[in-house]
Amino acid sequence: GVVLLASYAIGRGLGLSRTVALLVACGNSICGNSAIAATAPVIRADAEDVASSIAFTAVLGMVTVLLLPVLVPLLGLSATGYGVMAGMTVYAVPQVLAATAPVSALSIQIGTFVKLVRVLMLGPVIFFLSLAAGKESGRRPALHRLVPWFILGFLAMLAVRSFGLIDAGLAEGMARAATVLTILSMAALGLGIDLRRVMRAGPRVTAAVVLSLGVLVAVSYGMVVFLNLATA
């Protein structure tokens, strides 16, 4: 929540429109492209705003995946601390897996868990944005806009797995399929980057996204230190 508000304030301070500032804030603070795509119809963002926001989060997401592991030796992070930091910083779930895989299996597990909890923020954020948009327009927001459908799907699968309704053999097969789908997702993120849109977005959007990412990294590291997880 702190990072979301800070990112929005940075965008507005740099002169971005309310719509673009919200897209950048949600993309940086929650889950990158998915958050932008879920937020855009709620706040009635136009295609150009969505395209520029997604392009930047995709590019910076790749840069973060490559550079974040360097912080492990520089900051003396433990596997647990790095997993928490990666889960709080990296945009997409596949990117978290890519950023934590070079460090340790424990980092992968913790980073994925923290990231999935972070993704759940999208539900209440979209809910309140939908209510605000409905209040401004005087119309009641549609039910499907209040809560993104994949959040409900995630919670349903979490419950099914937790109650042991999926046997071990089927779970193993689903895990292998998830690995393949994760690889495809990483490739799709790369293929979805259009550098021409990035260049057209302008310096203010660039500055807003970069500064927001800096705040996100700083807050994430601060939390790791506060929880005494920075070192082994």
Protein backbone atom coordinates (compact mmCIF):
# COMPACT_ATOMS: atom_id res chain seq x y z
CA GLY A 1 0.00 0.00 0.00
CA VAL A 2 2.83 2.40 0.87
CA VAL A 3 4.59 1.71 -2.42
CA LEU A 4 1.33 2.05 -4.36
CA LEU A 5 0.66 5.50 -2.89
CA ALA A 6 4.30 6.56 -3.31
CA SER A 7 4.34 5.45 -6.95
CA TYR A 8 1.12 7.32 -7.66
CA ALA A 9 2.51 10.45 -5.96
CA ILE A 10 5.70 10.23 -8.02
CA GLY A 11 3.71 9.96 -11.25
CA ARG A 12 1.49 12.91 -10.40
CA GLY A 13 4.49 14.92 -9.22
CA LEU A 14 6.12 14.38 -12.61
CA GLY A 15 3.02 15.70 -14.35
CA LEU A 16 1.51 12.41 -15.52
CA SER A 17 -2.25 12.17 -15.89
CA ARG A 18 -4.24 10.48 -13.13
CA THR A 19 -4.85 7.51 -15.43
CA VAL A 20 -1.20 6.90 -16.37
CA ALA A 21 -0.05 7.48 -12.78
CA LEU A 22 -2.52 4.84 -11.56
CA LEU A 23 -1.44 2.35 -14.23
CA VAL A 24 2.23 2.79 -13.38
CA ALA A 25 1.55 2.60 -9.64
CA CYS A 26 -0.52 -0.60 -9.91
CA GLY A 27 1.91 -2.20 -12.35
CA ASN A 28 4.97 -1.49 -10.20
CA SER A 29 3.38 -2.23 -6.85
CA ILE A 30 1.37 -5.37 -7.57
CA CYS A 31 2.09 -7.58 -10.56
CA GLY A 32 3.21 -5.70 -13.64
CA ASN A 33 1.30 -6.32 -16.86
CA SER A 34 -1.52 -8.26 -15.20
CA ALA A 35 -2.24 -5.41 -12.80
CA ILE A 36 -2.17 -2.86 -15.62
CA ALA A 37 -4.49 -4.98 -17.76
CA ALA A 38 -6.91 -5.44 -14.85
CA THR A 39 -6.82 -1.77 -13.85
CA ALA A 40 -7.14 -0.23 -17.33
CA PRO A 41 -10.85 -0.98 -18.00
CA VAL A 42 -11.83 0.05 -14.48
CA ILE A 43 -10.29 3.53 -14.80
CA ARG A 44 -11.13 3.74 -18.54
CA ALA A 45 -7.53 4.09 -19.69
CA ASP A 46 -6.96 4.45 -23.43
CA ALA A 47 -4.89 2.01 -25.50
CA GLU A 48 -1.82 4.25 -25.77
CA ASP A 49 -1.56 4.74 -22.01
CA VAL A 50 -1.88 1.00 -21.44
CA ALA A 51 0.68 0.18 -24.14
CA SER A 52 3.33 2.56 -22.78
CA SER A 53 2.82 1.40 -19.18
CA ILE A 54 3.02 -2.29 -20.09
CA ALA A 55 6.09 -1.74 -22.28
CA PHE A 56 8.02 -0.11 -19.45
CA THR A 57 7.08 -2.65 -16.81
CA ALA A 58 8.06 -5.45 -19.19
CA VAL A 59 11.47 -3.92 -19.92
CA LEU A 60 12.24 -3.07 -16.30
CA GLY A 61 10.95 -6.47 -15.22
CA MET A 62 13.60 -8.14 -17.37
CA VAL A 63 16.29 -5.78 -16.10
CA THR A 64 15.28 -6.49 -12.48
CA VAL A 65 15.46 -10.25 -13.04
CA LEU A 66 19.02 -9.92 -14.33
CA LEU A 67 20.33 -7.45 -11.75
CA LEU A 68 18.54 -8.42 -8.52
CA PRO A 69 20.66 -11.53 -7.81
CA VAL A 70 23.71 -9.24 -7.72
CA LEU A 71 22.36 -7.81 -4.47
CA VAL A 72 22.86 -11.15 -2.68
CA PRO A 73 26.66 -10.79 -2.30
CA LEU A 74 26.56 -6.98 -2.19
CA LEU A 75 24.08 -6.85 0.71
CA GLY A 76 24.98 -10.20 2.25
CA LEU A 77 21.40 -11.44 1.87
CA SER A 78 20.40 -14.86 3.14
CA ALA A 79 18.38 -17.21 0.93
CA THR A 80 15.29 -16.38 2.97
CA GLY A 81 15.90 -12.63 2.88
CA TYR A 82 16.54 -12.64 -0.85
CA GLY A 83 13.41 -14.69 -1.48
CA VAL A 84 11.31 -12.15 0.43
CA MET A 85 12.95 -9.24 -1.37
CA ALA A 86 12.52 -10.83 -4.81
CA GLY A 87 8.88 -11.65 -4.11
CA MET A 88 8.22 -8.06 -3.08
CA THR A 89 10.18 -6.44 -5.92
CA VAL A 90 9.88 -8.43 -9.14
CA TYR A 91 6.73 -7.81 -11.19
CA ALA A 92 5.50 -11.16 -12.51
CA VAL A 93 5.45 -14.63 -10.94
CA PRO A 94 7.54 -16.18 -13.78
CA GLN A 95 10.06 -13.39 -13.33
CA VAL A 96 10.30 -14.16 -9.60
CA LEU A 97 11.15 -17.76 -10.48
CA ALA A 98 13.82 -16.57 -12.92
CA ALA A 99 15.30 -14.12 -10.40
CA THR A 100 15.45 -16.61 -7.52
CA ALA A 101 16.50 -19.78 -9.39
CA PRO A 102 20.21 -18.80 -9.54
CA VAL A 103 20.30 -18.35 -5.74
CA SER A 104 18.63 -21.36 -4.09
CA ALA A 105 15.54 -23.57 -3.98
CA LEU A 106 14.54 -21.94 -0.69
CA SER A 107 14.63 -18.52 -2.36
CA ILE A 108 12.37 -19.84 -5.12
CA GLN A 109 9.79 -21.15 -2.64
CA ILE A 110 9.76 -18.07 -0.43
CA GLY A 111 9.88 -15.64 -3.36
CA THR A 112 6.95 -17.36 -5.08
CA PHE A 113 4.88 -17.42 -1.90
CA VAL A 114 5.53 -13.73 -1.14
CA LYS A 115 4.77 -12.80 -4.75
CA LEU A 116 1.47 -14.68 -4.77
CA VAL A 117 0.42 -12.94 -1.56
CA ARG A 118 1.36 -9.65 -3.21
CA VAL A 119 -0.75 -10.51 -6.26
CA LEU A 120 -3.76 -10.90 -3.97
CA MET A 121 -3.54 -7.14 -3.37
CA LEU A 122 -4.99 -6.74 -6.84
CA GLY A 123 -8.39 -7.84 -5.57
CA PRO A 124 -8.96 -5.07 -3.01
CA VAL A 125 -7.26 -2.44 -5.22
CA ILE A 126 -9.54 -3.17 -8.18
CA PHE A 127 -12.52 -3.34 -5.82
CA PHE A 128 -11.92 0.17 -4.46
CA LEU A 129 -11.03 1.61 -7.88
CA SER A 130 -14.26 0.15 -9.28
CA LEU A 131 -16.29 1.68 -6.46
CA ALA A 132 -14.57 5.05 -6.98
CA ALA A 133 -15.17 4.92 -10.74
CA GLY A 134 -18.81 3.99 -10.20
CA LYS A 135 -19.28 6.85 -7.74
CA GLU A 136 -17.79 9.35 -10.21
CA SER A 137 -19.96 8.16 -13.10
CA GLY A 138 -23.08 7.61 -10.99
CA ARG A 139 -23.34 4.03 -12.26
CA ARG A 140 -23.05 0.82 -10.30
CA PRO A 141 -19.90 -1.09 -11.36
CA ALA A 142 -20.33 -4.53 -12.90
CA LEU A 143 -19.62 -7.45 -10.57
CA HIS A 144 -16.87 -8.90 -12.81
CA ARG A 145 -14.95 -5.62 -12.53
CA LEU A 146 -14.91 -5.63 -8.75
CA VAL A 147 -12.70 -8.72 -8.40
CA PRO A 148 -10.40 -10.06 -11.17
CA TRP A 149 -11.45 -13.60 -12.09
CA PHE A 150 -7.94 -15.06 -11.78
CA ILE A 151 -7.81 -14.02 -8.11
CA LEU A 152 -10.89 -16.16 -7.49
CA GLY A 153 -9.31 -19.00 -9.46
CA PHE A 154 -6.13 -18.78 -7.41
CA LEU A 155 -8.06 -18.91 -4.14
CA ALA A 156 -10.14 -21.85 -5.38
CA MET A 157 -7.06 -23.87 -6.38
CA LEU A 158 -5.37 -22.97 -3.08
CA ALA A 159 -8.35 -24.37 -1.18
CA VAL A 160 -8.56 -27.51 -3.32
CA ARG A 161 -4.87 -28.28 -2.83
CA SER A 162 -4.90 -27.42 0.90
CA PHE A 163 -7.80 -29.80 1.61
CA GLY A 164 -6.05 -32.66 -0.21
CA LEU A 165 -8.62 -32.94 -3.00
CA ILE A 166 -5.84 -33.38 -5.57
CA ASP A 167 -3.89 -36.64 -5.24
CA ALA A 168 -0.10 -36.69 -5.33
CA GLY A 169 0.16 -38.16 -8.83
CA LEU A 170 -2.09 -35.54 -10.37
CA ALA A 171 -0.35 -32.77 -8.41
CA GLU A 172 3.02 -33.91 -9.77
CA GLY A 173 1.72 -33.81 -13.34
CA MET A 174 0.23 -30.38 -12.78
CA ALA A 175 3.55 -29.17 -11.37
CA ARG A 176 5.36 -30.32 -14.54
CA ALA A 177 2.75 -28.59 -16.67
CA ALA A 178 3.17 -25.45 -14.57
CA THR A 179 6.91 -25.50 -15.26
CA VAL A 180 6.30 -25.65 -19.01
CA LEU A 181 3.70 -22.89 -18.81
CA THR A 182 6.10 -20.76 -16.75
CA ILE A 183 8.76 -21.06 -19.47
CA LEU A 184 6.17 -20.09 -22.09
CA SER A 185 5.09 -17.14 -19.94
CA MET A 186 8.67 -15.88 -19.70
CA ALA A 187 9.02 -16.12 -23.48
CA ALA A 188 5.70 -14.33 -23.96
CA LEU A 189 6.82 -11.46 -21.71
CA GLY A 190 9.90 -11.01 -23.86
CA LEU A 191 7.98 -11.24 -27.15
CA GLY A 192 5.44 -8.75 -25.82
CA ILE A 193 7.99 -5.95 -25.46
CA ASP A 194 7.74 -3.35 -28.22
CA LEU A 195 10.73 -1.01 -27.92
CA ARG A 196 9.08 1.50 -30.27
CA ARG A 197 6.31 2.02 -27.72
CA VAL A 198 8.90 2.41 -24.99
CA MET A 199 10.66 5.14 -26.97
CA ARG A 200 7.36 6.95 -27.64
CA ALA A 201 6.30 6.97 -23.99
CA GLY A 202 8.44 9.95 -23.10
CA PRO A 203 10.86 10.90 -20.31
CA ARG A 204 8.21 11.57 -17.65
CA VAL A 205 6.77 8.06 -17.86
CA THR A 206 10.32 6.68 -17.89
CA ALA A 207 11.24 8.65 -14.78
CA ALA A 208 8.02 7.67 -12.98
CA VAL A 209 8.53 3.95 -13.60
CA VAL A 210 12.24 3.97 -12.69
CA LEU A 211 11.73 6.02 -9.52
CA SER A 212 8.79 3.84 -8.48
CA LEU A 213 10.92 0.75 -8.92
CA GLY A 214 13.64 2.37 -6.79
CA VAL A 215 11.12 3.00 -4.01
CA LEU A 216 9.91 -0.60 -4.29
CA VAL A 217 13.45 -1.99 -3.95
CA ALA A 218 14.22 0.29 -0.99
CA VAL A 219 11.01 -0.58 0.86
CA SER A 220 11.52 -4.30 0.19
CA TYR A 221 15.05 -4.24 1.55
CA GLY A 222 13.91 -2.19 4.54
CA MET A 223 11.30 -4.82 5.37
CA VAL A 224 13.85 -7.63 5.05
CA VAL A 225 16.16 -5.80 7.48
CA PHE A 226 13.27 -5.02 9.84
CA LEU A 227 12.32 -8.71 9.93
CA ASN A 228 15.97 -9.61 10.60
CA LEU A 229 16.14 -11.74 7.43
CA ALA A 230 18.96 -9.90 5.70
CA THR A 231 21.73 -12.29 6.75
CA ALA A 232 21.92 -16.02 7.28
